[in-house]
Protein backbone atom coordinates (compact mmCIF):
# COMPACT_ATOMS: atom_id res chain seq x y z
CA MET A 1 80.57 -13.47 83.78
CA LYS A 2 83.84 -11.74 82.94
CA LYS A 3 86.60 -14.24 82.15
CA LYS A 4 90.37 -13.95 81.97
CA ILE A 5 91.24 -15.31 78.52
CA ALA A 6 94.61 -16.15 76.98
CA VAL A 7 95.09 -16.20 73.20
CA ILE A 8 98.23 -17.92 71.91
CA GLY A 9 99.45 -16.45 68.61
CA SER A 10 98.67 -13.25 66.72
CA GLY A 11 97.91 -14.44 63.21
CA PHE A 12 94.58 -13.54 61.65
CA SER A 13 92.65 -16.06 63.73
CA GLY A 14 94.33 -15.02 66.98
CA LEU A 15 93.72 -11.32 66.40
CA SER A 16 90.13 -12.04 65.44
CA ALA A 17 89.52 -14.20 68.52
CA ALA A 18 91.09 -11.58 70.79
CA ALA A 19 89.03 -8.76 69.31
CA TYR A 20 85.70 -10.61 69.59
CA ALA A 21 86.39 -11.89 73.10
CA SER A 22 87.43 -8.39 74.24
CA LYS A 23 84.30 -6.90 72.71
CA GLU A 24 82.23 -9.26 74.88
CA GLY A 25 83.79 -7.63 77.94
CA HIS A 26 86.38 -10.24 78.85
CA GLU A 27 89.97 -9.64 79.96
CA VAL A 28 92.09 -10.83 77.06
CA HIS A 29 95.85 -11.38 77.02
CA LEU A 30 97.49 -12.30 73.71
CA TYR A 31 100.94 -13.93 73.62
CA GLU A 32 103.09 -13.93 70.49
CA LYS A 33 106.44 -15.72 70.22
CA ASN A 34 107.71 -13.34 67.53
CA VAL A 35 108.47 -9.65 68.00
CA GLU A 36 105.47 -8.38 66.04
CA ALA A 37 101.87 -9.33 65.28
CA GLY A 38 100.74 -11.15 62.16
CA GLY A 39 101.96 -14.73 62.19
CA ARG A 40 102.43 -15.69 58.56
CA ALA A 41 101.21 -12.20 57.60
CA ARG A 42 104.14 -10.45 59.25
CA HIS A 43 106.27 -7.97 57.37
CA PHE A 44 109.83 -6.76 57.59
CA LYS A 45 111.80 -3.72 56.48
CA THR A 46 115.35 -3.70 55.19
CA GLU A 47 118.05 -1.14 55.94
CA ASN A 48 118.10 -0.10 52.29
CA GLY A 49 114.42 0.84 52.16
CA TYR A 50 112.33 -2.20 51.13
CA THR A 51 109.19 -3.35 52.94
CA PHE A 52 108.20 -6.98 52.40
CA ASP A 53 104.94 -8.70 53.27
CA MET A 54 106.07 -12.16 54.37
CA GLY A 55 102.95 -14.15 53.55
CA PRO A 56 99.49 -13.40 52.10
CA SER A 57 99.46 -11.15 49.06
CA TRP A 58 96.08 -11.86 47.38
CA TYR A 59 93.31 -9.64 48.74
CA TRP A 60 90.21 -11.62 47.79
CA MET A 61 86.72 -11.77 49.36
CA PRO A 62 86.85 -8.11 50.44
CA ASP A 63 83.33 -8.34 51.84
CA ILE A 64 84.38 -11.00 54.38
CA ILE A 65 87.32 -8.93 55.57
CA ASP A 66 85.14 -5.83 55.76
CA SER A 67 82.52 -7.71 57.78
CA PHE A 68 85.10 -8.15 60.56
CA PHE A 69 85.48 -4.39 60.87
CA ASN A 70 81.71 -3.89 60.53
CA ASP A 71 81.23 -6.04 63.65
CA PHE A 72 83.16 -3.38 65.58
CA GLY A 73 81.41 -0.40 64.03
CA LYS A 74 84.25 0.20 61.59
CA LYS A 75 85.09 -0.22 57.91
CA ALA A 76 88.30 -1.42 56.30
CA SER A 77 88.55 2.03 54.70
CA ASP A 78 88.90 3.55 58.19
CA PHE A 79 92.33 1.94 58.36
CA TYR A 80 93.72 1.56 54.84
CA THR A 81 93.03 2.31 51.20
CA LEU A 82 92.06 -0.56 48.92
CA VAL A 83 92.83 -0.26 45.23
CA PRO A 84 91.58 -2.64 42.52
CA LEU A 85 94.24 -4.32 40.41
CA ASP A 86 93.71 -4.20 36.66
CA PRO A 87 94.67 -6.60 35.34
CA GLN A 88 93.92 -8.66 38.42
CA PHE A 89 96.91 -10.79 37.45
CA GLU A 90 98.64 -12.21 34.41
CA MET A 91 99.28 -15.85 33.56
CA VAL A 92 102.39 -16.79 31.62
CA PHE A 93 101.93 -19.87 29.44
CA SER A 94 104.47 -21.58 27.20
CA ASP A 95 102.88 -19.93 24.16
CA GLY A 96 101.88 -16.52 25.46
CA VAL A 97 100.47 -14.38 28.25
CA MET A 98 96.88 -14.02 29.44
CA ASN A 99 95.90 -10.88 31.38
CA ILE A 100 92.83 -11.26 33.61
CA PRO A 101 90.92 -7.96 33.58
CA HIS A 102 89.20 -6.41 36.60
CA ASN A 103 86.05 -5.66 34.61
CA TYR A 104 83.80 -8.71 34.37
CA GLU A 105 82.51 -7.94 30.85
CA GLU A 106 86.10 -7.72 29.64
CA MET A 107 86.84 -11.03 31.35
CA ARG A 108 83.81 -12.55 29.67
CA SER A 109 85.08 -11.33 26.28
CA LEU A 110 88.51 -12.83 26.99
CA PHE A 111 86.90 -16.22 27.71
CA GLU A 112 84.83 -16.00 24.52
CA GLU A 113 87.88 -15.12 22.42
CA THR A 114 89.79 -18.05 23.90
CA GLU A 115 86.98 -20.58 23.45
CA PRO A 116 83.73 -19.90 21.55
CA GLY A 117 80.82 -20.27 23.96
CA ALA A 118 83.02 -19.87 27.04
CA GLY A 119 81.66 -16.39 27.76
CA LYS A 120 78.15 -17.74 28.30
CA ASN A 121 79.57 -20.68 30.23
CA LEU A 122 81.47 -18.26 32.48
CA ASP A 123 78.16 -16.57 33.29
CA GLU A 124 76.69 -19.93 34.29
CA PHE A 125 79.78 -20.91 36.25
CA MET A 126 79.79 -17.62 38.16
CA LYS A 127 76.06 -17.80 38.84
CA ASP A 128 76.57 -21.21 40.43
CA ALA A 129 79.73 -20.05 42.24
CA GLN A 130 77.93 -16.98 43.59
CA TYR A 131 75.24 -19.18 45.13
CA LYS A 132 77.93 -21.32 46.78
CA TYR A 133 79.73 -18.21 47.97
CA GLU A 134 76.62 -16.71 49.52
CA VAL A 135 75.53 -19.94 51.23
CA GLY A 136 79.03 -21.20 51.96
CA MET A 137 80.56 -18.02 53.35
CA GLN A 138 77.45 -16.94 55.26
CA ASP A 139 76.07 -20.23 56.59
CA PHE A 140 78.37 -23.18 55.97
CA VAL A 141 81.67 -21.76 57.25
CA ASN A 142 80.27 -20.09 60.36
CA LYS A 143 79.52 -23.34 62.19
CA PRO A 144 81.73 -24.56 65.07
CA CYS A 145 81.31 -28.07 63.58
CA HIS A 146 80.89 -29.99 66.82
CA SER A 147 78.23 -32.11 65.09
CA TRP A 148 76.62 -32.70 61.69
CA PHE A 149 73.32 -31.68 63.29
CA GLU A 150 74.47 -28.05 63.02
CA PHE A 151 73.90 -28.34 59.28
CA ILE A 152 70.31 -29.50 59.58
CA SER A 153 68.48 -26.34 58.59
CA PRO A 154 65.95 -25.74 55.83
CA LYS A 155 68.35 -23.45 53.95
CA ILE A 156 71.37 -25.77 54.08
CA ALA A 157 69.24 -28.85 53.39
CA LYS A 158 67.73 -27.13 50.39
CA SER A 159 71.22 -26.11 49.26
CA ALA A 160 72.91 -29.47 49.77
CA LEU A 161 72.87 -30.65 46.15
CA LYS A 162 73.70 -27.22 44.75
CA LEU A 163 76.75 -26.99 47.01
CA ASP A 164 78.31 -29.92 45.08
CA LEU A 165 80.11 -31.39 48.08
CA LEU A 166 80.40 -34.76 46.38
CA THR A 167 81.60 -33.51 42.98
CA ASN A 168 85.31 -32.88 42.54
CA PHE A 169 86.48 -29.48 41.40
CA GLN A 170 88.41 -30.74 38.38
CA LYS A 171 85.34 -32.44 36.92
CA PHE A 172 83.18 -29.41 37.75
CA VAL A 173 85.46 -26.99 35.86
CA ARG A 174 85.57 -29.25 32.82
CA LYS A 175 81.80 -29.25 32.67
CA TYR A 176 82.02 -25.60 31.61
CA PHE A 177 85.37 -25.20 29.84
CA LYS A 178 87.49 -27.24 27.43
CA HIS A 179 90.38 -24.92 26.55
CA PRO A 180 93.47 -25.87 28.61
CA LYS A 181 94.27 -22.25 29.48
CA LEU A 182 90.79 -21.61 30.83
CA ILE A 183 90.90 -24.85 32.79
CA VAL A 184 94.19 -23.85 34.43
CA LEU A 185 92.88 -20.36 35.10
CA MET A 186 89.81 -21.72 36.90
CA GLU A 187 91.68 -24.47 38.76
CA PHE A 188 94.64 -22.54 40.09
CA PRO A 189 92.87 -20.83 43.07
CA VAL A 190 92.24 -24.17 44.82
CA ILE A 191 95.91 -25.22 44.77
CA PHE A 192 96.40 -23.37 48.05
CA LEU A 193 93.50 -25.24 49.65
CA GLY A 194 95.99 -28.06 49.97
CA ALA A 195 95.17 -30.67 47.36
CA ALA A 196 94.96 -31.24 43.64
CA PRO A 197 91.76 -29.98 41.95
CA LYS A 198 90.54 -33.57 41.54
CA ASP A 199 90.57 -33.98 45.34
CA ILE A 200 88.82 -30.70 46.23
CA PRO A 201 85.00 -30.51 46.44
CA ALA A 202 83.31 -28.41 43.75
CA LEU A 203 81.91 -26.28 46.59
CA TYR A 204 85.15 -24.31 46.37
CA SER A 205 84.23 -22.73 43.07
CA LEU A 206 83.13 -20.09 45.57
CA MET A 207 86.79 -19.00 45.55
CA ASN A 208 86.55 -18.15 41.85
CA TYR A 209 83.59 -15.93 42.61
CA GLY A 210 85.24 -14.39 45.68
CA GLY A 211 88.32 -13.64 43.59
CA TYR A 212 87.56 -13.12 39.92
CA ARG A 213 84.03 -11.75 40.26
CA LEU A 214 84.55 -9.60 43.37
CA GLY A 215 87.98 -8.58 42.13
CA THR A 216 91.59 -8.69 43.23
CA TRP A 217 92.58 -5.78 45.47
CA TYR A 218 95.63 -4.38 47.21
CA PRO A 219 95.77 -2.55 50.56
CA MET A 220 98.13 0.39 50.11
CA GLY A 221 101.06 -0.01 52.46
CA GLY A 222 100.88 -3.79 52.18
CA PHE A 223 99.01 -6.69 53.72
CA SER A 224 100.45 -5.83 57.11
CA ARG A 225 98.03 -2.89 57.19
CA ILE A 226 95.21 -5.39 57.81
CA ILE A 227 97.16 -6.87 60.72
CA GLU A 228 97.80 -3.40 62.15
CA ALA A 229 94.11 -2.54 61.78
CA MET A 230 92.92 -5.73 63.49
CA LYS A 231 95.42 -5.21 66.31
CA GLU A 232 94.14 -1.65 66.75
CA VAL A 233 90.55 -2.91 66.98
CA ALA A 234 91.50 -5.51 69.59
CA THR A 235 93.54 -2.96 71.56
CA ASP A 236 90.66 -0.47 71.54
CA TYR A 237 88.50 -3.11 73.25
CA GLY A 238 91.16 -3.84 75.85
CA THR A 239 93.26 -6.73 74.53
CA GLN A 240 96.72 -6.72 76.09
CA PHE A 241 99.56 -7.82 73.79
CA TYR A 242 102.81 -9.51 74.80
CA PHE A 243 105.45 -9.96 72.09
CA ASP A 244 108.63 -12.04 72.21
CA SER A 245 106.58 -14.14 74.64
CA ASN A 246 106.98 -17.85 74.03
CA VAL A 247 104.26 -20.06 75.49
CA GLN A 248 106.05 -23.14 76.80
CA LYS A 249 103.25 -25.11 78.41
CA ILE A 250 99.50 -25.32 78.99
CA ASN A 251 99.11 -26.43 82.60
CA VAL A 252 96.18 -28.63 83.57
CA LYS A 253 94.46 -28.74 86.96
CA ASN A 254 91.10 -30.32 87.90
CA ASN A 255 90.42 -31.27 84.27
CA GLN A 256 90.74 -27.77 82.92
CA ALA A 257 93.50 -25.71 81.36
CA SER A 258 94.38 -23.66 84.43
CA SER A 259 97.39 -21.63 83.35
CA LEU A 260 100.10 -20.95 80.79
CA THR A 261 103.84 -21.03 81.30
CA VAL A 262 105.18 -18.06 79.33
CA ASN A 263 108.89 -17.28 79.32
CA ASN A 264 109.20 -19.49 82.42
CA GLU A 265 106.43 -17.64 84.28
CA GLU A 266 103.14 -19.36 85.17
CA ILE A 267 100.00 -17.23 84.62
CA ASP A 268 96.45 -18.31 85.54
CA PHE A 269 93.54 -18.11 83.08
CA ASP A 270 89.88 -19.09 82.92
CA VAL A 271 89.92 -19.87 79.18
CA ILE A 272 92.67 -20.51 76.62
CA ILE A 273 92.30 -20.06 72.84
CA ALA A 274 95.22 -21.50 70.86
CA SER A 275 95.80 -19.79 67.53
CA SER A 276 99.21 -21.47 67.50
CA ASP A 277 99.81 -24.46 65.24
CA TYR A 278 97.32 -27.15 66.35
CA HIS A 279 99.84 -30.01 66.18
CA HIS A 280 102.44 -27.99 68.12
CA THR A 281 99.86 -26.97 70.73
CA GLU A 282 98.87 -30.56 71.39
CA THR A 283 102.26 -32.28 71.17
CA LYS A 284 104.51 -29.63 72.74
CA LEU A 285 102.32 -27.59 75.09
CA LEU A 286 99.75 -30.08 76.40
CA PRO A 287 100.24 -33.24 78.52
CA GLN A 288 99.64 -36.36 76.41
CA GLU A 289 96.53 -37.54 78.25
CA PHE A 290 94.68 -34.32 77.37
CA ARG A 291 95.36 -34.25 73.63
CA ASN A 292 92.61 -34.61 71.05
CA TYR A 293 94.81 -36.48 68.57
CA ASN A 294 97.88 -38.72 68.52
CA GLU A 295 100.84 -38.56 66.16
CA LYS A 296 99.38 -41.22 63.87
CA TYR A 297 96.36 -38.97 63.29
CA TRP A 298 98.55 -36.10 62.12
CA GLU A 299 100.65 -38.37 59.92
CA THR A 300 97.52 -39.44 58.05
CA ARG A 301 96.18 -35.90 57.45
CA ILE A 302 96.55 -34.23 54.06
CA PHE A 303 98.40 -30.95 54.47
CA ALA A 304 98.53 -27.94 52.21
CA PRO A 305 101.85 -27.13 50.54
CA SER A 306 104.88 -25.50 52.00
CA CYS A 307 106.66 -22.88 49.88
CA LEU A 308 110.01 -21.76 48.68
CA ILE A 309 109.91 -17.95 48.89
CA TYR A 310 112.43 -15.33 47.87
CA TYR A 311 112.14 -11.69 48.95
CA LEU A 312 114.06 -9.62 46.41
CA GLY A 313 114.92 -5.97 46.00
CA PHE A 314 116.06 -4.78 42.57
CA LYS A 315 117.94 -1.52 42.14
CA GLU A 316 116.11 -0.61 38.97
CA LYS A 317 112.62 -1.02 37.55
CA ILE A 318 111.69 -4.27 35.80
CA PRO A 319 109.63 -3.65 32.63
CA ASN A 320 106.69 -5.78 31.50
CA LEU A 321 105.93 -7.11 34.99
CA LYS A 322 102.50 -6.84 36.63
CA HIS A 323 101.61 -6.77 40.33
CA HIS A 324 100.67 -10.50 40.25
CA THR A 325 102.16 -12.91 37.71
CA LEU A 326 101.61 -16.67 37.58
CA PHE A 327 104.26 -18.64 35.71
CA PHE A 328 102.34 -21.61 34.33
CA GLU A 329 104.52 -22.59 31.38
CA ASN A 330 104.64 -26.14 32.77
CA ASP A 331 101.99 -28.74 33.57
CA LEU A 332 99.76 -27.96 36.57
CA ASP A 333 98.80 -31.61 37.10
CA LEU A 334 102.45 -32.69 37.22
CA HIS A 335 103.39 -30.03 39.78
CA THR A 336 100.41 -30.85 42.03
CA LYS A 337 101.18 -34.59 41.78
CA GLU A 338 104.75 -33.97 42.88
CA ILE A 339 103.54 -31.87 45.83
CA TYR A 340 100.70 -34.05 47.10
CA LYS A 341 101.50 -37.59 45.94
CA ASP A 342 105.23 -37.91 45.28
CA LYS A 343 106.18 -35.39 48.00
CA LYS A 344 109.35 -34.30 46.22
CA TRP A 345 110.86 -31.17 44.73
CA PRO A 346 109.10 -30.44 41.41
CA THR A 347 110.78 -31.40 38.16
CA LYS A 348 108.98 -28.72 36.12
CA PRO A 349 107.78 -26.17 38.66
CA LEU A 350 105.14 -23.49 38.45
CA PHE A 351 105.67 -20.36 40.51
CA TYR A 352 104.22 -16.97 41.35
CA ALA A 353 105.77 -13.50 41.31
CA CYS A 354 104.36 -10.55 43.24
CA CYS A 355 105.65 -7.06 42.51
CA PRO A 356 103.74 -4.68 44.83
CA SER A 357 105.99 -1.75 43.93
CA LYS A 358 104.10 -1.63 40.60
CA THR A 359 101.09 -0.42 42.63
CA ASP A 360 102.61 0.95 45.84
CA PRO A 361 105.76 3.11 45.68
CA SER A 362 106.11 3.02 49.47
CA VAL A 363 107.39 -0.58 49.51
CA ALA A 364 110.65 0.09 47.62
CA PRO A 365 113.17 2.93 47.22
CA GLU A 366 112.64 5.28 44.29
CA ASN A 367 113.19 3.63 40.88
CA CYS A 368 113.61 0.24 42.56
CA GLU A 369 111.45 -2.87 42.54
CA ASN A 370 110.08 -5.08 45.32
CA VAL A 371 109.58 -8.69 44.16
CA PHE A 372 108.34 -11.75 46.01
CA LEU A 373 108.81 -15.16 44.34
CA LEU A 374 106.83 -18.14 45.63
CA MET A 375 106.96 -21.76 44.51
CA PRO A 376 104.58 -24.30 46.18
CA ILE A 377 106.40 -27.41 47.39
CA ALA A 378 105.62 -30.49 49.43
CA PRO A 379 105.74 -30.01 53.21
CA GLY A 380 108.42 -31.84 55.15
CA ILE A 381 111.02 -32.09 52.37
CA GLU A 382 114.68 -31.18 52.74
CA ASP A 383 115.40 -27.52 51.93
CA SER A 384 119.16 -27.17 51.67
CA GLU A 385 120.74 -23.95 50.40
CA GLU A 386 121.92 -25.76 47.28
CA ILE A 387 118.41 -26.92 46.36
CA LYS A 388 116.87 -23.53 47.04
CA GLU A 389 119.49 -21.75 44.94
CA GLN A 390 118.90 -24.14 42.04
CA TYR A 391 115.21 -23.24 41.91
CA PHE A 392 115.95 -19.57 42.52
CA LEU A 393 118.10 -19.44 39.39
CA GLU A 394 115.38 -21.16 37.37
CA MET A 395 112.74 -18.67 38.54
CA ILE A 396 115.02 -15.72 37.76
CA SER A 397 115.70 -17.12 34.29
CA ARG A 398 111.97 -17.39 33.56
CA LEU A 399 111.38 -13.91 34.99
CA GLU A 400 114.05 -12.54 32.64
CA LYS A 401 112.51 -14.29 29.64
CA HIS A 402 109.02 -13.00 30.45
CA THR A 403 110.07 -9.39 31.06
CA GLY A 404 112.70 -9.22 28.32
CA THR A 405 115.27 -8.18 30.93
CA GLN A 406 118.87 -9.32 30.93
CA ASP A 407 121.08 -10.16 33.91
CA LEU A 408 118.59 -9.59 36.74
CA LEU A 409 121.06 -11.19 39.15
CA SER A 410 123.39 -8.19 38.86
CA LYS A 411 120.52 -5.85 39.75
CA ILE A 412 119.59 -7.52 43.03
CA ASP A 413 119.81 -5.08 45.92
CA TYR A 414 118.40 -7.40 48.58
CA LYS A 415 117.83 -11.17 48.77
CA ARG A 416 116.34 -13.41 51.45
CA SER A 417 114.97 -16.94 51.17
CA TYR A 418 112.24 -18.55 53.27
CA CYS A 419 111.34 -22.22 53.19
CA VAL A 420 110.29 -25.34 55.12
CA LYS A 421 112.69 -24.94 58.04
CA ASP A 422 111.72 -21.28 58.45
CA PHE A 423 108.01 -22.11 58.67
CA GLN A 424 108.88 -24.69 61.33
CA GLU A 425 111.11 -22.33 63.28
CA ASP A 426 108.97 -19.17 63.15
CA TYR A 427 105.46 -20.66 63.35
CA ASN A 428 106.00 -24.19 64.72
CA ALA A 429 104.28 -25.26 61.49
CA TYR A 430 103.75 -29.00 61.15
CA LYS A 431 106.28 -30.22 58.55
CA GLY A 432 106.76 -26.60 57.59
CA ASN A 433 103.36 -26.33 55.87
CA ALA A 434 102.45 -22.83 54.72
CA TYR A 435 98.66 -23.00 54.38
CA GLY A 436 97.29 -25.45 56.95
CA LEU A 437 95.15 -28.51 56.43
CA ALA A 438 93.87 -29.38 52.96
CA ASN A 439 90.17 -28.77 52.30
CA THR A 440 89.47 -32.24 50.94
CA LEU A 441 86.02 -33.80 51.41
CA SER A 442 87.40 -36.08 54.16
CA GLN A 443 88.76 -33.00 55.96
CA THR A 444 85.74 -30.71 55.69
CA ALA A 445 83.52 -29.32 58.46
CA VAL A 446 83.05 -31.87 61.30
CA LEU A 447 85.87 -33.97 59.80
CA LYS A 448 88.46 -31.26 60.57
CA PRO A 449 90.36 -31.21 63.88
CA SER A 450 87.93 -30.13 66.58
CA LEU A 451 87.65 -26.47 67.53
CA LYS A 452 87.28 -27.57 71.17
CA ASN A 453 89.48 -29.77 73.31
CA LYS A 454 87.42 -32.89 74.03
CA LYS A 455 88.92 -33.50 77.48
CA LEU A 456 89.29 -29.98 78.87
CA ARG A 457 86.25 -27.76 79.00
CA ASN A 458 88.08 -24.46 78.60
CA LEU A 459 90.64 -25.03 75.83
CA TYR A 460 89.80 -24.04 72.24
CA TYR A 461 91.71 -24.07 68.96
CA THR A 462 91.49 -21.63 66.06
CA GLY A 463 93.25 -21.07 62.74
CA GLN A 464 93.99 -22.85 59.50
CA LEU A 465 94.18 -26.39 60.95
CA THR A 466 90.61 -26.29 62.24
CA VAL A 467 87.29 -24.94 60.94
CA PRO A 468 86.57 -23.46 58.50
CA GLY A 469 90.01 -23.90 56.88
CA PRO A 470 93.02 -22.17 55.32
CA GLY A 471 93.13 -18.65 53.93
CA VAL A 472 92.81 -15.12 55.31
CA PRO A 473 88.99 -14.77 55.37
CA PRO A 474 88.47 -18.31 56.80
CA SER A 475 91.07 -17.63 59.52
CA ILE A 476 89.29 -14.42 60.52
CA ILE A 477 86.02 -16.36 60.68
CA SER A 478 87.72 -19.12 62.69
CA GLY A 479 88.75 -16.61 65.34
CA LYS A 480 85.22 -15.30 65.59
CA ILE A 481 83.78 -18.80 66.01
CA ALA A 482 86.37 -19.74 68.67
CA ALA A 483 85.76 -16.56 70.63
CA HIS A 484 82.02 -17.15 70.58
CA GLU A 485 82.38 -20.77 71.72
CA ALA A 486 84.89 -19.84 74.43
CA THR A 487 82.73 -17.06 75.92
CA LYS A 488 79.16 -18.31 75.52
CA ASN A 489 79.05 -20.30 78.79
């Protein structure tokens, strides 16, 4: 039976949910509080010619993203051009720089040069990680997670031990590698899963395979091209989009979510899929008696980091800078402890620089540079202009040292900061988190916030605070799962 479905929010999960629900023949209306689609993957253009992606910048797991388009008879290449990055990225250490090559054999040689025997160990690590990737990304993450019984299948049962759900990632990495640089290299991808490597299940070595083995890519034109492509797919199947449309309330009648109040207008729906922040949806949009979780529940969850971000335009080229650069001159364990345990501004921060103009001339004026600086920080901390500027100057100083460039401050053509308060204001993000709920063992699968409202039969949640978790590919999968659950009855 054809249903009238509302989707709240146009991030990756919202666009995915809208596209799949529309494909099933339902009437889908998507409401976005901002003036363009994308959620955290929005972009903006400046008057002096720069185009900045506001959020995701690592194109990993290309097969998962492509599978979305395949489901609609399309390919990612129908919408944008993907180019491999070589090196995939560079890591700046206190005693030198390590470039991570695109070619696996070259990467293997790099590991062997760094630590005798590490090349063979990398093969073993990647073989194990590939198995987890294939089982995890095809079977494990595609469950709605209403019950543990969903995981009772011969394949998953057979895979249970090999998935290493009960081994922590830090211990798992150290089983293969001893050199500190290789350990940091293998551990860094899980930082954005929301916890220190010692608190993340070893299952997530699948990220190393999905990134290092399948390669790091860039969509020409920027990450917003994926958003534009997904919006086009949804539109082709009939999704109607409403921007600058703030959902103020989910109205309940006869034990079901009967309508939305949008910009002070009440609109009836048969089904509602909330891709908006889960905490915001429950505490601000839904009457208390129909919420899945109380405030104490959210206070006890482990959230992924927030970020201090700077979008910078430079009026001349910066030498010796790659597309992706990780500044790891300081201790990874200390920074993660200060994010997740101490919940304070880092004393010796790590940070990341993205310079897409090295690959894509369209994102900056001629002979100029587009740079995005990102430093992970604890969610919910104070982000005054004075504090942000202090860390900005430190990051610029380290960027100058790495590139051998003097006085970068005088070459800045554009500057904009983005931090905790901005995540709260633009995305209603709980405590200004940037990446959702941490993928710790106690917050995995059925232990994540439920995809379905337990008291209303027609309200569903999707995105990085529910299954399968944070990240671009998981969010796309989350939308698909939510759409299927919302339309199957």
